Amino acid sequence: MSAKSLTAVARTATGKNNNNRLRVEGFIPAVVYSHGKAEAIQIQEKEFLALFKGHISESVIFDLKIAGEEDLMAYVKDFQRHPVTSKILHLDLFKVTRGEQIKTHVPIELVGIPVGIKMGGIQKLGDREVMIQCLPRNLPEKITIDITKMVPGDTIHVGDIPHGDEYEILTTANNVVISIDKPKAVVDDAESAEKGAEPGKE
């Protein structure tokens, strides 16, 4: 299913001191979760960064080759970064089982420049990812939305995202993905016109 792969080694020594030692040696402490079970492993930092190219995503399934164990498929469910250096401190991985549905976040990619921007509209961004449920083989790495035809006053909600039966979007349908607000001058003119039309006003 996946051409991407990572190698890992099981670790028996855990705790803060051991994890810090691993990081100094160029490894990332990690845990693989599967049906209530958890296995502590270590992954080479350089190999992990090369696979994700600086952008860690839950929507990437990869082959995980743990030394001395049967290969499995997994994805990154969560990770921790150092607050100052942004260095990856820890990974939570989830094992993928063929035929079993998974729930995970998938990034939204907006393509194009809205024509409404050229008309003076103001672009506002909302959700940058959605939670979906699907079989592993149907997991998209990203969801692409063409926004070139959006004009002032247009809004795309999560419920407007086109998709087939390959996956189900679990994020609230009313959540905004992107909107193009009308230019402020237009809004001000409309408000002035409304005030001028109020009963009893001359």
C-alpha atoms as a PDB file:
ATOM      1  CA  MET A   1       0.000   0.000   0.000  1.00  0.00           C
ATOM      2  CA  SER A   2       2.783   2.413   0.892  1.00  0.00           C
ATOM      3  CA  ALA A   3       6.149   3.066  -0.709  1.00  0.00           C
ATOM      4  CA  LYS A   4       7.218   5.022   2.381  1.00  0.00           C
ATOM      5  CA  SER A   5       9.016   3.207   5.180  1.00  0.00           C
ATOM      6  CA  LEU A   6      10.817   3.745   8.474  1.00  0.00           C
ATOM      7  CA  THR A   7      13.124   1.473  10.424  1.00  0.00           C
ATOM      8  CA  ALA A   8      12.987   1.245  14.206  1.00  0.00           C
ATOM      9  CA  VAL A   9      14.384  -0.640  17.180  1.00  0.00           C
ATOM     10  CA  ALA A  10      12.429  -1.781  20.235  1.00  0.00           C
ATOM     11  CA  ARG A  11      13.572  -0.166  23.484  1.00  0.00           C
ATOM     12  CA  THR A  12      13.298  -1.535  26.991  1.00  0.00           C
ATOM     13  CA  ALA A  13      14.836   1.416  28.825  1.00  0.00           C
ATOM     14  CA  THR A  14      12.312   4.225  29.247  1.00  0.00           C
ATOM     15  CA  GLY A  15      12.024   7.324  31.387  1.00  0.00           C
ATOM     16  CA  LYS A  16      13.219  10.914  31.069  1.00  0.00           C
ATOM     17  CA  ASN A  17      16.967  10.251  31.369  1.00  0.00           C
ATOM     18  CA  ASN A  18      16.967   7.419  28.839  1.00  0.00           C
ATOM     19  CA  ASN A  19      14.837   9.412  26.408  1.00  0.00           C
ATOM     20  CA  ASN A  20      17.171  12.405  26.668  1.00  0.00           C
ATOM     21  CA  ARG A  21      20.134  10.127  25.959  1.00  0.00           C
ATOM     22  CA  LEU A  22      18.416   8.783  22.846  1.00  0.00           C
ATOM     23  CA  ARG A  23      17.784  12.300  21.556  1.00  0.00           C
ATOM     24  CA  VAL A  24      21.445  13.227  22.028  1.00  0.00           C
ATOM     25  CA  GLU A  25      22.367  10.116  20.025  1.00  0.00           C
ATOM     26  CA  GLY A  26      20.089  11.152  17.158  1.00  0.00           C
ATOM     27  CA  PHE A  27      16.983   9.068  17.902  1.00  0.00           C
ATOM     28  CA  ILE A  28      13.356   9.951  18.576  1.00  0.00           C
ATOM     29  CA  PRO A  29      11.606   8.000  21.360  1.00  0.00           C
ATOM     30  CA  ALA A  30       8.257   6.683  20.151  1.00  0.00           C
ATOM     31  CA  VAL A  31       5.392   4.397  21.109  1.00  0.00           C
ATOM     32  CA  VAL A  32       3.351   2.215  18.741  1.00  0.00           C
ATOM     33  CA  TYR A  33      -0.270   1.660  19.826  1.00  0.00           C
ATOM     34  CA  SER A  34      -2.474  -1.198  18.625  1.00  0.00           C
ATOM     35  CA  HIS A  35      -5.754  -2.468  20.118  1.00  0.00           C
ATOM     36  CA  GLY A  36      -4.901  -1.372  23.638  1.00  0.00           C
ATOM     37  CA  LYS A  37      -1.274  -2.523  23.432  1.00  0.00           C
ATOM     38  CA  ALA A  38       1.758  -0.257  23.389  1.00  0.00           C
ATOM     39  CA  GLU A  39       5.363  -0.892  22.355  1.00  0.00           C
ATOM     40  CA  ALA A  40       8.240   1.502  23.033  1.00  0.00           C
ATOM     41  CA  ILE A  41      10.585   1.995  20.073  1.00  0.00           C
ATOM     42  CA  GLN A  42      13.246   4.398  18.847  1.00  0.00           C
ATOM     43  CA  ILE A  43      13.496   5.891  15.355  1.00  0.00           C
ATOM     44  CA  GLN A  44      16.431   7.653  13.722  1.00  0.00           C
ATOM     45  CA  GLU A  45      15.664  11.357  13.633  1.00  0.00           C
ATOM     46  CA  LYS A  46      17.288  11.946  10.218  1.00  0.00           C
ATOM     47  CA  GLU A  47      15.313   9.119   8.634  1.00  0.00           C
ATOM     48  CA  PHE A  48      12.033  10.393  10.073  1.00  0.00           C
ATOM     49  CA  LEU A  49      12.624  13.987   8.958  1.00  0.00           C
ATOM     50  CA  ALA A  50      13.594  12.806   5.474  1.00  0.00           C
ATOM     51  CA  LEU A  51      10.334  10.868   5.171  1.00  0.00           C
ATOM     52  CA  PHE A  52       8.093  13.775   6.171  1.00  0.00           C
ATOM     53  CA  LYS A  53      10.254  16.557   4.708  1.00  0.00           C
ATOM     54  CA  GLY A  54       9.564  18.907   7.591  1.00  0.00           C
ATOM     55  CA  HIS A  55       5.773  18.558   7.566  1.00  0.00           C
ATOM     56  CA  ILE A  56       4.393  15.851   9.852  1.00  0.00           C
ATOM     57  CA  SER A  57       0.941  14.660   8.826  1.00  0.00           C
ATOM     58  CA  GLU A  58      -1.487  12.105  10.245  1.00  0.00           C
ATOM     59  CA  SER A  59      -2.595  11.283   6.708  1.00  0.00           C
ATOM     60  CA  VAL A  60       0.633   9.529   5.687  1.00  0.00           C
ATOM     61  CA  ILE A  61       0.687   5.749   6.146  1.00  0.00           C
ATOM     62  CA  PHE A  62       4.126   4.130   6.076  1.00  0.00           C
ATOM     63  CA  ASP A  63       5.712   0.722   6.538  1.00  0.00           C
ATOM     64  CA  LEU A  64       7.329   0.415   9.963  1.00  0.00           C
ATOM     65  CA  LYS A  65      10.151  -2.108  10.113  1.00  0.00           C
ATOM     66  CA  ILE A  66      11.017  -2.885  13.736  1.00  0.00           C
ATOM     67  CA  ALA A  67      14.195  -4.954  13.985  1.00  0.00           C
ATOM     68  CA  GLY A  68      13.441  -8.606  14.745  1.00  0.00           C
ATOM     69  CA  GLU A  69       9.679  -8.172  14.343  1.00  0.00           C
ATOM     70  CA  GLU A  70       7.131  -8.540  11.580  1.00  0.00           C
ATOM     71  CA  ASP A  71       6.726  -5.415   9.441  1.00  0.00           C
ATOM     72  CA  LEU A  72       3.585  -3.376  10.025  1.00  0.00           C
ATOM     73  CA  MET A  73       1.864  -0.251   8.723  1.00  0.00           C
ATOM     74  CA  ALA A  74       1.443   2.832  10.881  1.00  0.00           C
ATOM     75  CA  TYR A  75       0.773   6.557  10.905  1.00  0.00           C
ATOM     76  CA  VAL A  76       1.677   9.425  13.228  1.00  0.00           C
ATOM     77  CA  LYS A  77      -1.190  10.139  15.610  1.00  0.00           C
ATOM     78  CA  ASP A  78       0.565  12.733  17.750  1.00  0.00           C
ATOM     79  CA  PHE A  79       3.983  14.250  18.351  1.00  0.00           C
ATOM     80  CA  GLN A  80       5.724  16.624  20.744  1.00  0.00           C
ATOM     81  CA  ARG A  81       8.163  19.399  19.845  1.00  0.00           C
ATOM     82  CA  HIS A  82      10.592  21.359  21.994  1.00  0.00           C
ATOM     83  CA  PRO A  83       8.978  24.780  22.648  1.00  0.00           C
ATOM     84  CA  VAL A  84      12.158  26.672  21.720  1.00  0.00           C
ATOM     85  CA  THR A  85      14.098  24.574  19.197  1.00  0.00           C
ATOM     86  CA  SER A  86      11.066  22.830  17.590  1.00  0.00           C
ATOM     87  CA  LYS A  87      13.041  19.584  17.773  1.00  0.00           C
ATOM     88  CA  ILE A  88      10.782  16.519  17.796  1.00  0.00           C
ATOM     89  CA  LEU A  89      10.818  15.027  21.295  1.00  0.00           C
ATOM     90  CA  HIS A  90       8.385  12.118  21.046  1.00  0.00           C
ATOM     91  CA  LEU A  91       6.076  10.309  18.615  1.00  0.00           C
ATOM     92  CA  ASP A  92       2.820   8.433  19.102  1.00  0.00           C
ATOM     93  CA  LEU A  93       2.246   5.983  16.242  1.00  0.00           C
ATOM     94  CA  PHE A  94      -0.867   3.926  15.531  1.00  0.00           C
ATOM     95  CA  LYS A  95      -0.735   0.537  13.862  1.00  0.00           C
ATOM     96  CA  VAL A  96      -2.899   0.168  10.761  1.00  0.00           C
ATOM     97  CA  THR A  97      -4.754  -3.093  10.192  1.00  0.00           C
ATOM     98  CA  ARG A  98      -5.987  -3.926   6.711  1.00  0.00           C
ATOM     99  CA  GLY A  99      -9.771  -3.933   6.508  1.00  0.00           C
ATOM    100  CA  GLU A 100     -10.216  -1.858   9.681  1.00  0.00           C
ATOM    101  CA  GLN A 101     -11.353   1.743   9.395  1.00  0.00           C
ATOM    102  CA  ILE A 102      -9.244   4.503  10.889  1.00  0.00           C
ATOM    103  CA  LYS A 103     -10.064   8.010  12.088  1.00  0.00           C
ATOM    104  CA  THR A 104      -7.455  10.649  11.444  1.00  0.00           C
ATOM    105  CA  HIS A 105      -6.899  14.255  10.401  1.00  0.00           C
ATOM    106  CA  VAL A 106      -6.234  15.160   6.772  1.00  0.00           C
ATOM    107  CA  PRO A 107      -4.904  18.593   5.714  1.00  0.00           C
ATOM    108  CA  ILE A 108      -6.868  20.846   3.364  1.00  0.00           C
ATOM    109  CA  GLU A 109      -4.977  22.367   0.426  1.00  0.00           C
ATOM    110  CA  LEU A 110      -6.484  25.503  -1.105  1.00  0.00           C
ATOM    111  CA  VAL A 111      -5.556  25.932  -4.772  1.00  0.00           C
ATOM    112  CA  GLY A 112      -5.616  29.189  -6.714  1.00  0.00           C
ATOM    113  CA  ILE A 113      -6.235  32.843  -5.935  1.00  0.00           C
ATOM    114  CA  PRO A 114      -9.888  33.833  -5.508  1.00  0.00           C
ATOM    115  CA  VAL A 115     -11.128  36.278  -8.146  1.00  0.00           C
ATOM    116  CA  GLY A 116     -12.804  38.032  -5.233  1.00  0.00           C
ATOM    117  CA  ILE A 117      -9.409  39.183  -3.950  1.00  0.00           C
ATOM    118  CA  LYS A 118      -8.900  41.201  -7.148  1.00  0.00           C
ATOM    119  CA  MET A 119     -12.332  42.727  -6.514  1.00  0.00           C
ATOM    120  CA  GLY A 120     -11.200  44.016  -3.124  1.00  0.00           C
ATOM    121  CA  GLY A 121     -12.530  41.126  -1.078  1.00  0.00           C
ATOM    122  CA  ILE A 122     -10.877  40.066   2.163  1.00  0.00           C
ATOM    123  CA  GLN A 123      -9.842  36.424   2.512  1.00  0.00           C
ATOM    124  CA  LYS A 124     -10.394  34.737   5.865  1.00  0.00           C
ATOM    125  CA  LEU A 125      -9.226  31.206   6.609  1.00  0.00           C
ATOM    126  CA  GLY A 126     -10.945  28.693   8.854  1.00  0.00           C
ATOM    127  CA  ASP A 127     -10.291  24.982   9.348  1.00  0.00           C
ATOM    128  CA  ARG A 128      -7.013  23.826   7.802  1.00  0.00           C
ATOM    129  CA  GLU A 129      -7.736  20.117   8.268  1.00  0.00           C
ATOM    130  CA  VAL A 130     -10.682  17.767   8.720  1.00  0.00           C
ATOM    131  CA  MET A 131     -11.226  14.538  10.619  1.00  0.00           C
ATOM    132  CA  ILE A 132     -12.152  11.656   8.337  1.00  0.00           C
ATOM    133  CA  GLN A 133     -12.980   7.970   8.709  1.00  0.00           C
ATOM    134  CA  CYS A 134     -12.010   5.455   6.057  1.00  0.00           C
ATOM    135  CA  LEU A 135     -10.225   2.231   5.225  1.00  0.00           C
ATOM    136  CA  PRO A 136      -6.432   2.596   5.137  1.00  0.00           C
ATOM    137  CA  ARG A 137      -6.286   2.107   1.364  1.00  0.00           C
ATOM    138  CA  ASN A 138      -8.647   5.073   0.854  1.00  0.00           C
ATOM    139  CA  LEU A 139      -6.790   7.559   3.071  1.00  0.00           C
ATOM    140  CA  PRO A 140      -5.935  10.709   1.072  1.00  0.00           C
ATOM    141  CA  GLU A 141      -2.757  12.562   2.001  1.00  0.00           C
ATOM    142  CA  LYS A 142      -4.626  15.850   1.500  1.00  0.00           C
ATOM    143  CA  ILE A 143      -7.953  17.242   0.304  1.00  0.00           C
ATOM    144  CA  THR A 144      -7.652  19.820  -2.483  1.00  0.00           C
ATOM    145  CA  ILE A 145     -10.188  22.622  -2.978  1.00  0.00           C
ATOM    146  CA  ASP A 146     -10.171  25.020  -5.965  1.00  0.00           C
ATOM    147  CA  ILE A 147     -10.950  28.519  -4.685  1.00  0.00           C
ATOM    148  CA  THR A 148     -10.289  30.539  -7.867  1.00  0.00           C
ATOM    149  CA  LYS A 149     -13.978  31.275  -8.572  1.00  0.00           C
ATOM    150  CA  MET A 150     -14.816  32.621  -5.117  1.00  0.00           C
ATOM    151  CA  VAL A 151     -16.202  36.176  -5.089  1.00  0.00           C
ATOM    152  CA  PRO A 152     -16.931  38.579  -2.204  1.00  0.00           C
ATOM    153  CA  GLY A 153     -19.660  37.097  -0.030  1.00  0.00           C
ATOM    154  CA  ASP A 154     -18.736  33.473  -0.813  1.00  0.00           C
ATOM    155  CA  THR A 155     -17.985  30.951   1.933  1.00  0.00           C
ATOM    156  CA  ILE A 156     -16.890  27.335   1.702  1.00  0.00           C
ATOM    157  CA  HIS A 157     -17.934  25.183   4.654  1.00  0.00           C
ATOM    158  CA  VAL A 158     -16.684  21.723   5.547  1.00  0.00           C
ATOM    159  CA  GLY A 159     -20.012  20.373   4.306  1.00  0.00           C
ATOM    160  CA  ASP A 160     -19.280  21.843   0.853  1.00  0.00           C
ATOM    161  CA  ILE A 161     -16.133  19.758   0.356  1.00  0.00           C
ATOM    162  CA  PRO A 162     -16.784  17.358  -2.545  1.00  0.00           C
ATOM    163  CA  HIS A 163     -15.872  13.722  -1.954  1.00  0.00           C
ATOM    164  CA  GLY A 164     -16.984  10.240  -2.905  1.00  0.00           C
ATOM    165  CA  ASP A 165     -17.735   7.173  -0.841  1.00  0.00           C
ATOM    166  CA  GLU A 166     -14.053   6.469  -0.134  1.00  0.00           C
ATOM    167  CA  TYR A 167     -14.170   8.334   3.164  1.00  0.00           C
ATOM    168  CA  GLU A 168     -16.554  10.078   5.552  1.00  0.00           C
ATOM    169  CA  ILE A 169     -15.848  13.563   6.874  1.00  0.00           C
ATOM    170  CA  LEU A 170     -16.519  13.708  10.624  1.00  0.00           C
ATOM    171  CA  THR A 171     -15.746  17.393  11.199  1.00  0.00           C
ATOM    172  CA  THR A 172     -18.820  19.593  11.790  1.00  0.00           C
ATOM    173  CA  ALA A 173     -20.316  20.497   8.405  1.00  0.00           C
ATOM    174  CA  ASN A 174     -20.932  24.149   9.366  1.00  0.00           C
ATOM    175  CA  ASN A 175     -17.268  24.842  10.107  1.00  0.00           C
ATOM    176  CA  VAL A 176     -15.808  27.450   7.749  1.00  0.00           C
ATOM    177  CA  VAL A 177     -12.873  26.511   5.524  1.00  0.00           C
ATOM    178  CA  ILE A 178     -12.489  29.860   3.737  1.00  0.00           C
ATOM    179  CA  SER A 179     -14.579  32.963   3.177  1.00  0.00           C
ATOM    180  CA  ILE A 180     -14.201  36.060   1.019  1.00  0.00           C
ATOM    181  CA  ASP A 181     -15.652  39.025   2.874  1.00  0.00           C
ATOM    182  CA  LYS A 182     -17.005  41.997   0.973  1.00  0.00           C
ATOM    183  CA  PRO A 183     -14.774  45.109   0.831  1.00  0.00           C
ATOM    184  CA  LYS A 184     -15.256  47.372   3.858  1.00  0.00           C
ATOM    185  CA  ALA A 185     -16.391  50.286   1.678  1.00  0.00           C
ATOM    186  CA  VAL A 186     -19.193  48.168   0.246  1.00  0.00           C
ATOM    187  CA  VAL A 187     -20.285  47.062   3.718  1.00  0.00           C
ATOM    188  CA  ASP A 188     -20.234  50.663   5.001  1.00  0.00           C
ATOM    189  CA  ASP A 189     -22.321  51.864   2.044  1.00  0.00           C
ATOM    190  CA  ALA A 190     -24.860  49.091   2.622  1.00  0.00           C
ATOM    191  CA  GLU A 191     -25.131  49.944   6.324  1.00  0.00           C
ATOM    192  CA  SER A 192     -25.574  53.638   5.531  1.00  0.00           C
ATOM    193  CA  ALA A 193     -28.328  52.829   3.054  1.00  0.00           C
ATOM    194  CA  GLU A 194     -30.126  50.729   5.667  1.00  0.00           C
ATOM    195  CA  LYS A 195     -29.945  53.503   8.253  1.00  0.00           C
ATOM    196  CA  GLY A 196     -31.272  56.000   5.741  1.00  0.00           C
ATOM    197  CA  ALA A 197     -34.246  53.778   5.058  1.00  0.00           C
ATOM    198  CA  GLU A 198     -35.299  53.444   8.727  1.00  0.00           C
ATOM    199  CA  PRO A 199     -38.901  54.578   9.459  1.00  0.00           C
ATOM    200  CA  GLY A 200     -39.248  58.048  10.926  1.00  0.00           C
ATOM    201  CA  LYS A 201     -35.866  59.203   9.608  1.00  0.00           C
ATOM    202  CA  GLU A 202     -35.716  62.117   7.125  1.00  0.00           C
END
